[in-house]
C-alpha cells in the first residue's frame, strides 16, 4: 500500500510541475522581456524611492519585491499591462497605490511611471 501512495504522490507532483510550467510558458517571451525592463527601470532609480504602504524603499529592494510578487501571482499575468495593473500599481494587502518619490520630492504613481516606460 505504501508503494501505491508513493506512486500516487509522485504522479501528483509531476502533474503539478507540468501545470506550473505550462502556466509560465503562457507568458510570451516578448512580454516577459517588457516586464523585466519595467522592473529594471525601477531598479536603476538611484535617486528615488519606491513608496509601498507609506514606507519608502530603495530601488534594489523595490525591484526584488516586484519580482517576488510577480512570481507569486504569475498565473494572473499575461502581459506587461497585466503586470502594471495587477502587480506593480498597488498593495494587494491594503489597496494603497505604489508611488515613486524622486529626489526633488515630486511623486507619481508607479502605474504612471511604468506606463511611461512601457510607451518608450
PDB file of N, CA and C in Angstrom:
ATOM      1  N   UNK A   1       0.820  -1.191   0.000  1.00  0.00           N
ATOM      2  CA  UNK A   1       0.000   0.000   0.000  1.00  0.00           C
ATOM      3  C   UNK A   1       0.865   1.257   0.000  1.00  0.00           C
ATOM      4  N   UNK A   2       2.006   1.215   0.672  1.00  0.00           N
ATOM      5  CA  UNK A   2       2.902   2.359   0.704  1.00  0.00           C
ATOM      6  C   UNK A   2       3.421   2.682  -0.690  1.00  0.00           C
ATOM      7  N   UNK A   3       3.716   1.658  -1.473  1.00  0.00           N
ATOM      8  CA  UNK A   3       4.185   1.875  -2.841  1.00  0.00           C
ATOM      9  C   UNK A   3       3.112   2.566  -3.671  1.00  0.00           C
ATOM     10  N   UNK A   4       1.856   2.206  -3.438  1.00  0.00           N
ATOM     11  CA  UNK A   4       0.754   2.839  -4.163  1.00  0.00           C
ATOM     12  C   UNK A   4       0.696   4.335  -3.856  1.00  0.00           C
ATOM     13  N   UNK A   5       0.753   4.683  -2.578  1.00  0.00           N
ATOM     14  CA  UNK A   5       0.692   6.093  -2.193  1.00  0.00           C
ATOM     15  C   UNK A   5       1.916   6.866  -2.674  1.00  0.00           C
ATOM     16  N   UNK A   6       3.060   6.223  -2.662  1.00  0.00           N
ATOM     17  CA  UNK A   6       4.271   6.861  -3.185  1.00  0.00           C
ATOM     18  C   UNK A   6       4.123   7.151  -4.669  1.00  0.00           C
ATOM     19  N   UNK A   7       3.587   6.179  -5.404  1.00  0.00           N
ATOM     20  CA  UNK A   7       3.381   6.371  -6.843  1.00  0.00           C
ATOM     21  C   UNK A   7       2.349   7.461  -7.097  1.00  0.00           C
ATOM     22  N   UNK A   8       1.297   7.471  -6.299  1.00  0.00           N
ATOM     23  CA  UNK A   8       0.261   8.491  -6.432  1.00  0.00           C
ATOM     24  C   UNK A   8       0.827   9.881  -6.143  1.00  0.00           C
ATOM     25  N   UNK A   9       1.629   9.989  -5.094  1.00  0.00           N
ATOM     26  CA  UNK A   9       2.255  11.265  -4.749  1.00  0.00           C
ATOM     27  C   UNK A   9       3.195  11.725  -5.853  1.00  0.00           C
ATOM     28  N   UNK A  10       3.989  10.812  -6.391  1.00  0.00           N
ATOM     29  CA  UNK A  10       4.898  11.154  -7.480  1.00  0.00           C
ATOM     30  C   UNK A  10       4.121  11.637  -8.707  1.00  0.00           C
ATOM     31  N   UNK A  11       3.047  10.965  -9.043  1.00  0.00           N
ATOM     32  CA  UNK A  11       2.225  11.370 -10.192  1.00  0.00           C
ATOM     33  C   UNK A  11       1.635  12.753  -9.966  1.00  0.00           C
ATOM     34  N   UNK A  12       1.173  13.005  -8.763  1.00  0.00           N
ATOM     35  CA  UNK A  12       0.612  14.315  -8.427  1.00  0.00           C
ATOM     36  C   UNK A  12       1.665  15.409  -8.542  1.00  0.00           C
ATOM     37  N   UNK A  13       2.852  15.152  -8.029  1.00  0.00           N
ATOM     38  CA  UNK A  13       3.934  16.131  -8.112  1.00  0.00           C
ATOM     39  C   UNK A  13       4.329  16.395  -9.554  1.00  0.00           C
ATOM     40  N   UNK A  14       4.421  15.355 -10.363  1.00  0.00           N
ATOM     41  CA  UNK A  14       4.761  15.529 -11.772  1.00  0.00           C
ATOM     42  C   UNK A  14       3.685  16.325 -12.498  1.00  0.00           C
ATOM     43  N   UNK A  15       2.425  16.028 -12.226  1.00  0.00           N
ATOM     44  CA  UNK A  15       1.328  16.754 -12.858  1.00  0.00           C
ATOM     45  C   UNK A  15       1.343  18.215 -12.441  1.00  0.00           C
ATOM     46  N   UNK A  16       1.539  18.481 -11.162  1.00  0.00           N
ATOM     47  CA  UNK A  16       1.578  19.859 -10.660  1.00  0.00           C
ATOM     48  C   UNK A  16       2.730  20.617 -11.291  1.00  0.00           C
ATOM     49  N   UNK A  17       3.892  20.005 -11.378  1.00  0.00           N
ATOM     50  CA  UNK A  17       5.045  20.648 -12.007  1.00  0.00           C
ATOM     51  C   UNK A  17       4.791  20.961 -13.462  1.00  0.00           C
ATOM     52  N   UNK A  18       4.161  20.045 -14.182  1.00  0.00           N
ATOM     53  CA  UNK A  18       3.844  20.276 -15.594  1.00  0.00           C
ATOM     54  C   UNK A  18       2.838  21.402 -15.735  1.00  0.00           C
ATOM     55  N   UNK A  19       1.872  21.474 -14.828  1.00  0.00           N
ATOM     56  CA  UNK A  19       0.869  22.540 -14.888  1.00  0.00           C
ATOM     57  C   UNK A  19       1.515  23.900 -14.647  1.00  0.00           C
ATOM     58  N   UNK A  20       2.429  23.980 -13.687  1.00  0.00           N
ATOM     59  CA  UNK A  20       3.121  25.236 -13.410  1.00  0.00           C
ATOM     60  C   UNK A  20       3.957  25.649 -14.611  1.00  0.00           C
ATOM     61  N   UNK A  21       4.686  24.715 -15.208  1.00  0.00           N
ATOM     62  CA  UNK A  21       5.486  25.034 -16.389  1.00  0.00           C
ATOM     63  C   UNK A  21       4.604  25.500 -17.530  1.00  0.00           C
ATOM     64  N   UNK A  22       3.440  24.889 -17.692  1.00  0.00           N
ATOM     65  CA  UNK A  22       2.530  25.304 -18.761  1.00  0.00           C
ATOM     66  C   UNK A  22       2.047  26.721 -18.521  1.00  0.00           C
ATOM     67  N   UNK A  23       1.751  27.077 -17.262  1.00  0.00           N
ATOM     68  CA  UNK A  23       1.321  28.439 -16.960  1.00  0.00           C
ATOM     69  C   UNK A  23       2.431  29.431 -17.256  1.00  0.00           C
ATOM     70  N   UNK A  24       3.654  29.114 -16.859  1.00  0.00           N
ATOM     71  CA  UNK A  24       4.777  30.009 -17.105  1.00  0.00           C
ATOM     72  C   UNK A  24       5.020  30.174 -18.595  1.00  0.00           C
ATOM     73  N   UNK A  25       4.812  29.113 -19.349  1.00  0.00           N
ATOM     74  CA  UNK A  25       5.047  29.162 -20.784  1.00  0.00           C
ATOM     75  C   UNK A  25       3.995  30.009 -21.494  1.00  0.00           C
ATOM     76  N   UNK A  26       2.839  30.245 -20.845  1.00  0.00           N
ATOM     77  CA  UNK A  26       1.781  31.034 -21.450  1.00  0.00           C
ATOM     78  C   UNK A  26       2.170  32.496 -21.613  1.00  0.00           C
ATOM     79  N   UNK A  27       3.101  32.990 -20.828  1.00  0.00           N
ATOM     80  CA  UNK A  27       3.537  34.374 -20.929  1.00  0.00           C
ATOM     81  C   UNK A  27       4.564  34.470 -22.054  1.00  0.00           C
ATOM     82  N   UNK A  28       4.210  35.146 -23.147  1.00  0.00           N
ATOM     83  CA  UNK A  28       5.135  35.242 -24.280  1.00  0.00           C
ATOM     84  C   UNK A  28       6.461  35.878 -23.884  1.00  0.00           C
ATOM     85  N   UNK A  29       7.524  35.437 -24.530  1.00  0.00           N
ATOM     86  CA  UNK A  29       8.868  35.936 -24.222  1.00  0.00           C
ATOM     87  C   UNK A  29       8.952  37.452 -24.359  1.00  0.00           C
ATOM     88  N   UNK A  30       8.279  38.012 -25.346  1.00  0.00           N
ATOM     89  CA  UNK A  30       8.325  39.462 -25.535  1.00  0.00           C
ATOM     90  C   UNK A  30       7.693  40.185 -24.336  1.00  0.00           C
ATOM     91  N   UNK A  31       6.648  39.608 -23.770  1.00  0.00           N
ATOM     92  CA  UNK A  31       6.017  40.212 -22.588  1.00  0.00           C
ATOM     93  C   UNK A  31       6.905  40.045 -21.359  1.00  0.00           C
ATOM     94  N   UNK A  32       7.546  38.878 -21.228  1.00  0.00           N
ATOM     95  CA  UNK A  32       8.494  38.675 -20.131  1.00  0.00           C
ATOM     96  C   UNK A  32       9.600  39.727 -20.188  1.00  0.00           C
ATOM     97  N   UNK A  33      10.099  39.982 -21.392  1.00  0.00           N
ATOM     98  CA  UNK A  33      11.163  40.969 -21.574  1.00  0.00           C
ATOM     99  C   UNK A  33      10.679  42.370 -21.214  1.00  0.00           C
ATOM    100  N   UNK A  34       9.479  42.720 -21.620  1.00  0.00           N
ATOM    101  CA  UNK A  34       8.916  44.035 -21.286  1.00  0.00           C
ATOM    102  C   UNK A  34       8.804  44.194 -19.772  1.00  0.00           C
ATOM    103  N   UNK A  35       8.318  43.157 -19.110  1.00  0.00           N
ATOM    104  CA  UNK A  35       8.155  43.209 -17.651  1.00  0.00           C
ATOM    105  C   UNK A  35       9.510  43.364 -16.973  1.00  0.00           C
ATOM    106  N   UNK A  36      10.482  42.599 -17.405  1.00  0.00           N
ATOM    107  CA  UNK A  36      11.821  42.714 -16.810  1.00  0.00           C
ATOM    108  C   UNK A  36      12.393  44.111 -17.053  1.00  0.00           C
ATOM    109  N   UNK A  37      12.144  44.687 -18.217  1.00  0.00           N
ATOM    110  CA  UNK A  37      12.611  46.047 -18.493  1.00  0.00           C
ATOM    111  C   UNK A  37      11.938  47.065 -17.561  1.00  0.00           C
ATOM    112  N   UNK A  38      10.676  46.859 -17.260  1.00  0.00           N
ATOM    113  CA  UNK A  38       9.976  47.754 -16.335  1.00  0.00           C
ATOM    114  C   UNK A  38      10.569  47.653 -14.928  1.00  0.00           C
ATOM    115  N   UNK A  39      10.790  46.418 -14.491  1.00  0.00           N
ATOM    116  CA  UNK A  39      11.381  46.227 -13.158  1.00  0.00           C
ATOM    117  C   UNK A  39      12.786  46.820 -13.118  1.00  0.00           C
ATOM    118  N   UNK A  40      13.550  46.633 -14.186  1.00  0.00           N
ATOM    119  CA  UNK A  40      14.902  47.200 -14.256  1.00  0.00           C
ATOM    120  C   UNK A  40      14.875  48.722 -14.201  1.00  0.00           C
ATOM    121  N   UNK A  41      13.847  49.327 -14.782  1.00  0.00           N
ATOM    122  CA  UNK A  41      13.725  50.791 -14.733  1.00  0.00           C
ATOM    123  C   UNK A  41      13.637  51.268 -13.285  1.00  0.00           C
ATOM    124  N   UNK A  42      12.877  50.557 -12.461  1.00  0.00           N
ATOM    125  CA  UNK A  42      12.792  50.899 -11.034  1.00  0.00           C
ATOM    126  C   UNK A  42      14.120  50.611 -10.348  1.00  0.00           C
ATOM    127  N   UNK A  43      14.708  49.488 -10.682  1.00  0.00           N
ATOM    128  CA  UNK A  43      15.952  49.048 -10.051  1.00  0.00           C
ATOM    129  C   UNK A  43      17.082  50.062 -10.241  1.00  0.00           C
ATOM    130  N   UNK A  44      17.024  50.830 -11.312  1.00  0.00           N
ATOM    131  CA  UNK A  44      18.083  51.798 -11.613  1.00  0.00           C
ATOM    132  C   UNK A  44      17.741  53.225 -11.190  1.00  0.00           C
ATOM    133  N   UNK A  45      16.709  53.394 -10.395  1.00  0.00           N
ATOM    134  CA  UNK A  45      16.352  54.717  -9.874  1.00  0.00           C
ATOM    135  C   UNK A  45      17.157  54.993  -8.606  1.00  0.00           C
ATOM    136  N   UNK A  46      18.394  55.371  -8.778  1.00  0.00           N
ATOM    137  CA  UNK A  46      19.269  55.550  -7.616  1.00  0.00           C
ATOM    138  C   UNK A  46      18.895  56.762  -6.769  1.00  0.00           C
ATOM    139  N   UNK A  47      18.230  57.727  -7.351  1.00  0.00           N
ATOM    140  CA  UNK A  47      17.880  58.956  -6.629  1.00  0.00           C
ATOM    141  C   UNK A  47      16.389  59.038  -6.313  1.00  0.00           C
ATOM    142  N   UNK A  48      15.734  57.901  -6.255  1.00  0.00           N
ATOM    143  CA  UNK A  48      14.300  57.889  -5.993  1.00  0.00           C
ATOM    144  C   UNK A  48      13.961  56.786  -5.000  1.00  0.00           C
ATOM    145  N   UNK A  49      12.767  56.883  -4.437  1.00  0.00           N
ATOM    146  CA  UNK A  49      12.287  55.867  -3.502  1.00  0.00           C
ATOM    147  C   UNK A  49      10.991  55.277  -4.040  1.00  0.00           C
ATOM    148  N   UNK A  50      10.816  54.006  -3.805  1.00  0.00           N
ATOM    149  CA  UNK A  50       9.584  53.302  -4.135  1.00  0.00           C
ATOM    150  C   UNK A  50       8.756  53.285  -2.857  1.00  0.00           C
ATOM    151  N   UNK A  51       7.582  53.889  -2.887  1.00  0.00           N
ATOM    152  CA  UNK A  51       6.751  54.006  -1.690  1.00  0.00           C
ATOM    153  C   UNK A  51       5.684  52.924  -1.728  1.00  0.00           C
ATOM    154  N   UNK A  52       5.741  52.077  -0.712  1.00  0.00           N
ATOM    155  CA  UNK A  52       4.767  50.983  -0.596  1.00  0.00           C
ATOM    156  C   UNK A  52       4.152  51.050   0.793  1.00  0.00           C
ATOM    157  N   UNK A  53       2.839  51.219   0.842  1.00  0.00           N
ATOM    158  CA  UNK A  53       2.103  51.345   2.104  1.00  0.00           C
ATOM    159  C   UNK A  53       2.691  52.438   2.996  1.00  0.00           C
ATOM    160  N   UNK A  54       3.057  53.552   2.354  1.00  0.00           N
ATOM    161  CA  UNK A  54       3.550  54.717   3.081  1.00  0.00           C
ATOM    162  C   UNK A  54       5.014  54.668   3.471  1.00  0.00           C
ATOM    163  N   UNK A  55       5.688  53.571   3.197  1.00  0.00           N
ATOM    164  CA  UNK A  55       7.083  53.421   3.593  1.00  0.00           C
ATOM    165  C   UNK A  55       7.991  53.446   2.365  1.00  0.00           C
ATOM    166  N   UNK A  56       9.074  54.248   2.404  1.00  0.00           N
ATOM    167  CA  UNK A  56       9.988  54.298   1.258  1.00  0.00           C
ATOM    168  C   UNK A  56      10.961  53.110   1.243  1.00  0.00           C
ATOM    169  N   UNK A  57      11.219  52.625   0.035  1.00  0.00           N
ATOM    170  CA  UNK A  57      12.180  51.540  -0.169  1.00  0.00           C
ATOM    171  C   UNK A  57      13.159  51.960  -1.255  1.00  0.00           C
ATOM    172  N   UNK A  58      14.397  51.493  -1.133  1.00  0.00           N
ATOM    173  CA  UNK A  58      15.387  51.803  -2.165  1.00  0.00           C
ATOM    174  C   UNK A  58      15.081  50.999  -3.424  1.00  0.00           C
ATOM    175  N   UNK A  59      15.747  51.361  -4.504  1.00  0.00           N
ATOM    176  CA  UNK A  59      15.477  50.785  -5.821  1.00  0.00           C
ATOM    177  C   UNK A  59      15.704  49.275  -5.871  1.00  0.00           C
ATOM    178  N   UNK A  60      16.778  48.810  -5.268  1.00  0.00           N
ATOM    179  CA  UNK A  60      17.094  47.376  -5.289  1.00  0.00           C
ATOM    180  C   UNK A  60      16.026  46.581  -4.544  1.00  0.00           C
ATOM    181  N   UNK A  61      15.618  47.066  -3.386  1.00  0.00           N
ATOM    182  CA  UNK A  61      14.586  46.397  -2.599  1.00  0.00           C
ATOM    183  C   UNK A  61      13.261  46.389  -3.347  1.00  0.00           C
ATOM    184  N   UNK A  62      12.940  47.503  -3.998  1.00  0.00           N
ATOM    185  CA  UNK A  62      11.693  47.593  -4.763  1.00  0.00           C
ATOM    186  C   UNK A  62      11.684  46.572  -5.893  1.00  0.00           C
ATOM    187  N   UNK A  63      12.774  46.472  -6.622  1.00  0.00           N
ATOM    188  CA  UNK A  63      12.854  45.516  -7.739  1.00  0.00           C
ATOM    189  C   UNK A  63      12.736  44.085  -7.223  1.00  0.00           C
ATOM    190  N   UNK A  64      13.409  43.785  -6.131  1.00  0.00           N
ATOM    191  CA  UNK A  64      13.332  42.445  -5.546  1.00  0.00           C
ATOM    192  C   UNK A  64      11.886  42.127  -5.142  1.00  0.00           C
ATOM    193  N   UNK A  65      11.216  43.098  -4.529  1.00  0.00           N
ATOM    194  CA  UNK A  65       9.827  42.924  -4.114  1.00  0.00           C
ATOM    195  C   UNK A  65       8.925  42.665  -5.321  1.00  0.00           C
ATOM    196  N   UNK A  66       9.081  43.475  -6.373  1.00  0.00           N
ATOM    197  CA  UNK A  66       8.234  43.323  -7.563  1.00  0.00           C
ATOM    198  C   UNK A  66       8.444  41.968  -8.231  1.00  0.00           C
ATOM    199  N   UNK A  67       9.684  41.508  -8.286  1.00  0.00           N
ATOM    200  CA  UNK A  67       9.948  40.189  -8.872  1.00  0.00           C
ATOM    201  C   UNK A  67       9.299  39.075  -8.042  1.00  0.00           C
ATOM    202  N   UNK A  68       9.387  39.193  -6.729  1.00  0.00           N
ATOM    203  CA  UNK A  68       8.780  38.177  -5.852  1.00  0.00           C
ATOM    204  C   UNK A  68       7.256  38.194  -5.972  1.00  0.00           C
ATOM    205  N   UNK A  69       6.678  39.387  -6.013  1.00  0.00           N
ATOM    206  CA  UNK A  69       5.223  39.485  -6.148  1.00  0.00           C
ATOM    207  C   UNK A  69       4.785  38.920  -7.501  1.00  0.00           C
ATOM    208  N   UNK A  70       5.552  39.194  -8.528  1.00  0.00           N
ATOM    209  CA  UNK A  70       5.249  38.637  -9.847  1.00  0.00           C
ATOM    210  C   UNK A  70       5.294  37.115  -9.812  1.00  0.00           C
ATOM    211  N   UNK A  71       6.332  36.548  -9.206  1.00  0.00           N
ATOM    212  CA  UNK A  71       6.438  35.074  -9.118  1.00  0.00           C
ATOM    213  C   UNK A  71       5.230  34.488  -8.395  1.00  0.00           C
ATOM    214  N   UNK A  72       4.786  35.157  -7.343  1.00  0.00           N
ATOM    215  CA  UNK A  72       3.673  34.615  -6.564  1.00  0.00           C
ATOM    216  C   UNK A  72       2.332  34.736  -7.270  1.00  0.00           C
ATOM    217  N   UNK A  73       2.237  35.652  -8.225  1.00  0.00           N
ATOM    218  CA  UNK A  73       0.963  35.867  -8.925  1.00  0.00           C
ATOM    219  C   UNK A  73       1.088  35.661 -10.430  1.00  0.00           C
ATOM    220  N   UNK A  74       2.099  34.927 -10.838  1.00  0.00           N
ATOM    221  CA  UNK A  74       2.404  34.729 -12.254  1.00  0.00           C
ATOM    222  C   UNK A  74       1.221  34.239 -13.089  1.00  0.00           C
ATOM    223  N   UNK A  75       0.398  33.339 -12.579  1.00  0.00           N
ATOM    224  CA  UNK A  75      -0.733  32.884 -13.400  1.00  0.00           C
ATOM    225  C   UNK A  75      -1.710  33.999 -13.785  1.00  0.00           C
ATOM    226  N   UNK A  76      -1.715  35.095 -13.020  1.00  0.00           N
ATOM    227  CA  UNK A  76      -2.618  36.218 -13.301  1.00  0.00           C
ATOM    228  C   UNK A  76      -2.068  37.171 -14.352  1.00  0.00           C
ATOM    229  N   UNK A  77      -0.804  36.993 -14.740  1.00  0.00           N
ATOM    230  CA  UNK A  77      -0.137  37.957 -15.613  1.00  0.00           C
ATOM    231  C   UNK A  77       0.095  37.341 -16.989  1.00  0.00           C
ATOM    232  N   UNK A  78      -0.464  37.975 -18.007  1.00  0.00           N
ATOM    233  CA  UNK A  78      -0.314  37.516 -19.385  1.00  0.00           C
ATOM    234  C   UNK A  78       0.371  38.561 -20.262  1.00  0.00           C
ATOM    235  N   UNK A  79       0.649  39.744 -19.688  1.00  0.00           N
ATOM    236  CA  UNK A  79       1.243  40.820 -20.480  1.00  0.00           C
ATOM    237  C   UNK A  79       1.870  41.853 -19.556  1.00  0.00           C
ATOM    238  N   UNK A  80       2.624  42.770 -20.145  1.00  0.00           N
ATOM    239  CA  UNK A  80       3.199  43.875 -19.368  1.00  0.00           C
ATOM    240  C   UNK A  80       2.085  44.744 -18.787  1.00  0.00           C
ATOM    241  N   UNK A  81       0.999  44.906 -19.527  1.00  0.00           N
ATOM    242  CA  UNK A  81      -0.145  45.665 -18.996  1.00  0.00           C
ATOM    243  C   UNK A  81      -0.724  44.988 -17.759  1.00  0.00           C
ATOM    244  N   UNK A  82      -0.859  43.651 -17.807  1.00  0.00           N
ATOM    245  CA  UNK A  82      -1.323  42.916 -16.626  1.00  0.00           C
ATOM    246  C   UNK A  82      -0.374  43.130 -15.453  1.00  0.00           C
ATOM    247  N   UNK A  83       0.924  43.096 -15.721  1.00  0.00           N
ATOM    248  CA  UNK A  83       1.905  43.319 -14.667  1.00  0.00           C
ATOM    249  C   UNK A  83       1.675  44.669 -14.006  1.00  0.00           C
ATOM    250  N   UNK A  84       1.498  45.701 -14.818  1.00  0.00           N
ATOM    251  CA  UNK A  84       1.284  47.043 -14.265  1.00  0.00           C
ATOM    252  C   UNK A  84      -0.010  47.074 -13.456  1.00  0.00           C
ATOM    253  N   UNK A  85      -1.090  46.575 -14.026  1.00  0.00           N
ATOM    254  CA  UNK A  85      -2.410  46.657 -13.384  1.00  0.00           C
ATOM    255  C   UNK A  85      -2.553  45.766 -12.156  1.00  0.00           C
ATOM    256  N   UNK A  86      -1.985  44.559 -12.197  1.00  0.00           N
ATOM    257  CA  UNK A  86      -2.247  43.579 -11.142  1.00  0.00           C
ATOM    258  C   UNK A  86      -1.128  43.436 -10.115  1.00  0.00           C
ATOM    259  N   UNK A  87       0.094  43.835 -10.476  1.00  0.00           N
ATOM    260  CA  UNK A  87       1.242  43.594  -9.600  1.00  0.00           C
ATOM    261  C   UNK A  87       1.879  44.896  -9.122  1.00  0.00           C
ATOM    262  N   UNK A  88       2.153  45.801 -10.050  1.00  0.00           N
ATOM    263  CA  UNK A  88       3.066  46.913  -9.793  1.00  0.00           C
ATOM    264  C   UNK A  88       2.406  48.247  -9.470  1.00  0.00           C
ATOM    265  N   UNK A  89       1.097  48.281  -9.308  1.00  0.00           N
ATOM    266  CA  UNK A  89       0.421  49.562  -9.106  1.00  0.00           C
ATOM    267  C   UNK A  89      -0.105  49.797  -7.696  1.00  0.00           C
ATOM    268  N   UNK A  90      -0.382  48.720  -6.969  1.00  0.00           N
ATOM    269  CA  UNK A  90      -0.995  48.892  -5.657  1.00  0.00           C
ATOM    270  C   UNK A  90      -0.707  47.699  -4.761  1.00  0.00           C
ATOM    271  N   UNK A  91      -0.865  47.926  -3.477  1.00  0.00           N
ATOM    272  CA  UNK A  91      -0.671  46.871  -2.493  1.00  0.00           C
ATOM    273  C   UNK A  91      -1.855  45.921  -2.514  1.00  0.00           C
ATOM    274  N   UNK A  92      -1.576  44.644  -2.624  1.00  0.00           N
ATOM    275  CA  UNK A  92      -2.641  43.639  -2.570  1.00  0.00           C
ATOM    276  C   UNK A  92      -3.224  43.541  -1.169  1.00  0.00           C
ATOM    277  N   UNK A  93      -2.455  43.963  -0.182  1.00  0.00           N
ATOM    278  CA  UNK A  93      -2.893  43.878   1.207  1.00  0.00           C
ATOM    279  C   UNK A  93      -3.778  45.050   1.599  1.00  0.00           C
ATOM    280  N   UNK A  94      -3.312  46.269   1.292  1.00  0.00           N
ATOM    281  CA  UNK A  94      -4.035  47.467   1.747  1.00  0.00           C
ATOM    282  C   UNK A  94      -4.820  48.162   0.645  1.00  0.00           C
ATOM    283  N   UNK A  95      -4.492  47.880  -0.612  1.00  0.00           N
ATOM    284  CA  UNK A  95      -5.141  48.570  -1.723  1.00  0.00           C
ATOM    285  C   UNK A  95      -4.541  49.931  -2.025  1.00  0.00           C
ATOM    286  N   UNK A  96      -3.549  50.351  -1.224  1.00  0.00           N
ATOM    287  CA  UNK A  96      -2.919  51.655  -1.448  1.00  0.00           C
ATOM    288  C   UNK A  96      -2.053  51.615  -2.702  1.00  0.00           C
ATOM    289  N   UNK A  97      -2.086  52.703  -3.485  1.00  0.00           N
ATOM    290  CA  UNK A  97      -1.245  52.737  -4.685  1.00  0.00           C
ATOM    291  C   UNK A  97       0.234  52.851  -4.318  1.00  0.00           C
ATOM    292  N   UNK A  98       1.082  52.246  -5.141  1.00  0.00           N
ATOM    293  CA  UNK A  98       2.524  52.419  -5.004  1.00  0.00           C
ATOM    294  C   UNK A  98       2.897  53.746  -5.660  1.00  0.00           C
ATOM    295  N   UNK A  99       3.906  54.404  -5.102  1.00  0.00           N
ATOM    296  CA  UNK A  99       4.368  55.685  -5.613  1.00  0.00           C
ATOM    297  C   UNK A  99       5.862  55.635  -5.872  1.00  0.00           C
ATOM    298  N   UNK A 100       6.318  56.533  -6.723  1.00  0.00           N
ATOM    299  CA  UNK A 100       7.745  56.773  -6.929  1.00  0.00           C
ATOM    300  C   UNK A 100       7.996  58.199  -6.454  1.00  0.00           C
ATOM    301  N   UNK A 101       8.895  58.365  -5.487  1.00  0.00           N
ATOM    302  CA  UNK A 101       9.258  59.689  -4.986  1.00  0.00           C
ATOM    303  C   UNK A 101      10.666  60.014  -5.468  1.00  0.00           C
ATOM    304  N   UNK A 102      10.769  61.073  -6.257  1.00  0.00           N
ATOM    305  CA  UNK A 102      12.051  61.491  -6.811  1.00  0.00           C
ATOM    306  C   UNK A 102      12.807  62.371  -5.825  1.00  0.00           C
ATOM    307  N   UNK A 103      14.090  62.582  -6.087  1.00  0.00           N
ATOM    308  CA  UNK A 103      14.954  63.347  -5.189  1.00  0.00           C
ATOM    309  C   UNK A 103      14.430  64.753  -4.945  1.00  0.00           C
ATOM    310  N   UNK A 104      13.736  65.344  -5.915  1.00  0.00           N
ATOM    311  CA  UNK A 104      13.205  66.702  -5.758  1.00  0.00           C
ATOM    312  C   UNK A 104      11.897  66.734  -4.971  1.00  0.00           C
ATOM    313  N   UNK A 105      11.425  65.558  -4.485  1.00  0.00           N
ATOM    314  CA  UNK A 105      10.210  65.478  -3.693  1.00  0.00           C
ATOM    315  C   UNK A 105       8.950  65.194  -4.507  1.00  0.00           C
ATOM    316  N   UNK A 106       9.051  65.280  -5.808  1.00  0.00           N
ATOM    317  CA  UNK A 106       7.909  65.008  -6.679  1.00  0.00           C
ATOM    318  C   UNK A 106       7.549  63.524  -6.585  1.00  0.00           C
ATOM    319  N   UNK A 107       6.254  63.243  -6.555  1.00  0.00           N
ATOM    320  CA  UNK A 107       5.772  61.867  -6.509  1.00  0.00           C
ATOM    321  C   UNK A 107       4.834  61.609  -7.681  1.00  0.00           C
ATOM    322  N   UNK A 108       4.942  60.411  -8.239  1.00  0.00           N
ATOM    323  CA  UNK A 108       3.977  59.952  -9.241  1.00  0.00           C
ATOM    324  C   UNK A 108       3.588  58.527  -8.876  1.00  0.00           C
ATOM    325  N   UNK A 109       2.449  58.118  -9.366  1.00  0.00           N
ATOM    326  CA  UNK A 109       2.045  56.735  -9.108  1.00  0.00           C
ATOM    327  C   UNK A 109       2.976  55.801  -9.878  1.00  0.00           C
ATOM    328  N   UNK A 110       3.188  54.638  -9.329  1.00  0.00           N
ATOM    329  CA  UNK A 110       4.034  53.677 -10.037  1.00  0.00           C
ATOM    330  C   UNK A 110       3.382  53.284 -11.365  1.00  0.00           C
ATOM    331  N   UNK A 111       2.052  53.268 -11.414  1.00  0.00           N
ATOM    332  CA  UNK A 111       1.361  52.950 -12.666  1.00  0.00           C
ATOM    333  C   UNK A 111       1.738  53.963 -13.745  1.00  0.00           C
ATOM    334  N   UNK A 112       1.740  55.241 -13.385  1.00  0.00           N
ATOM    335  CA  UNK A 112       2.122  56.286 -14.339  1.00  0.00           C
ATOM    336  C   UNK A 112       3.577  56.114 -14.778  1.00  0.00           C
ATOM    337  N   UNK A 113       4.456  55.816 -13.833  1.00  0.00           N
ATOM    338  CA  UNK A 113       5.864  55.601 -14.130  1.00  0.00           C
ATOM    339  C   UNK A 113       6.039  54.433 -15.101  1.00  0.00           C
ATOM    340  N   UNK A 114       5.392  53.302 -14.798  1.00  0.00           N
ATOM    341  CA  UNK A 114       5.536  52.117 -15.632  1.00  0.00           C
ATOM    342  C   UNK A 114       4.897  52.299 -17.011  1.00  0.00           C
ATOM    343  N   UNK A 115       3.757  52.972 -17.066  1.00  0.00           N
ATOM    344  CA  UNK A 115       3.116  53.203 -18.372  1.00  0.00           C
ATOM    345  C   UNK A 115       3.995  54.074 -19.264  1.00  0.00           C
ATOM    346  N   UNK A 116       4.637  55.079 -18.678  1.00  0.00           N
ATOM    347  CA  UNK A 116       5.551  55.936 -19.463  1.00  0.00           C
ATOM    348  C   UNK A 116       6.712  55.121 -20.011  1.00  0.00           C
ATOM    349  N   UNK A 117       7.266  54.234 -19.182  1.00  0.00           N
ATOM    350  CA  UNK A 117       8.386  53.399 -19.637  1.00  0.00           C
ATOM    351  C   UNK A 117       7.934  52.358 -20.662  1.00  0.00           C
ATOM    352  N   UNK A 118       6.752  51.857 -20.505  1.00  0.00           N
ATOM    353  CA  UNK A 118       6.229  50.876 -21.463  1.00  0.00           C
ATOM    354  C   UNK A 118       6.015  51.532 -22.828  1.00  0.00           C
ATOM    355  N   UNK A 119       5.616  52.791 -22.827  1.00  0.00           N
ATOM    356  CA  UNK A 119       5.369  53.510 -24.086  1.00  0.00           C
ATOM    357  C   UNK A 119       6.644  53.813 -24.842  1.00  0.00           C
ATOM    358  N   UNK A 120       7.786  53.829 -24.149  1.00  0.00           N
ATOM    359  CA  UNK A 120       9.065  54.147 -24.798  1.00  0.00           C
ATOM    360  C   UNK A 120       9.521  53.059 -25.750  1.00  0.00           C
TER     361      UNK A 120
END
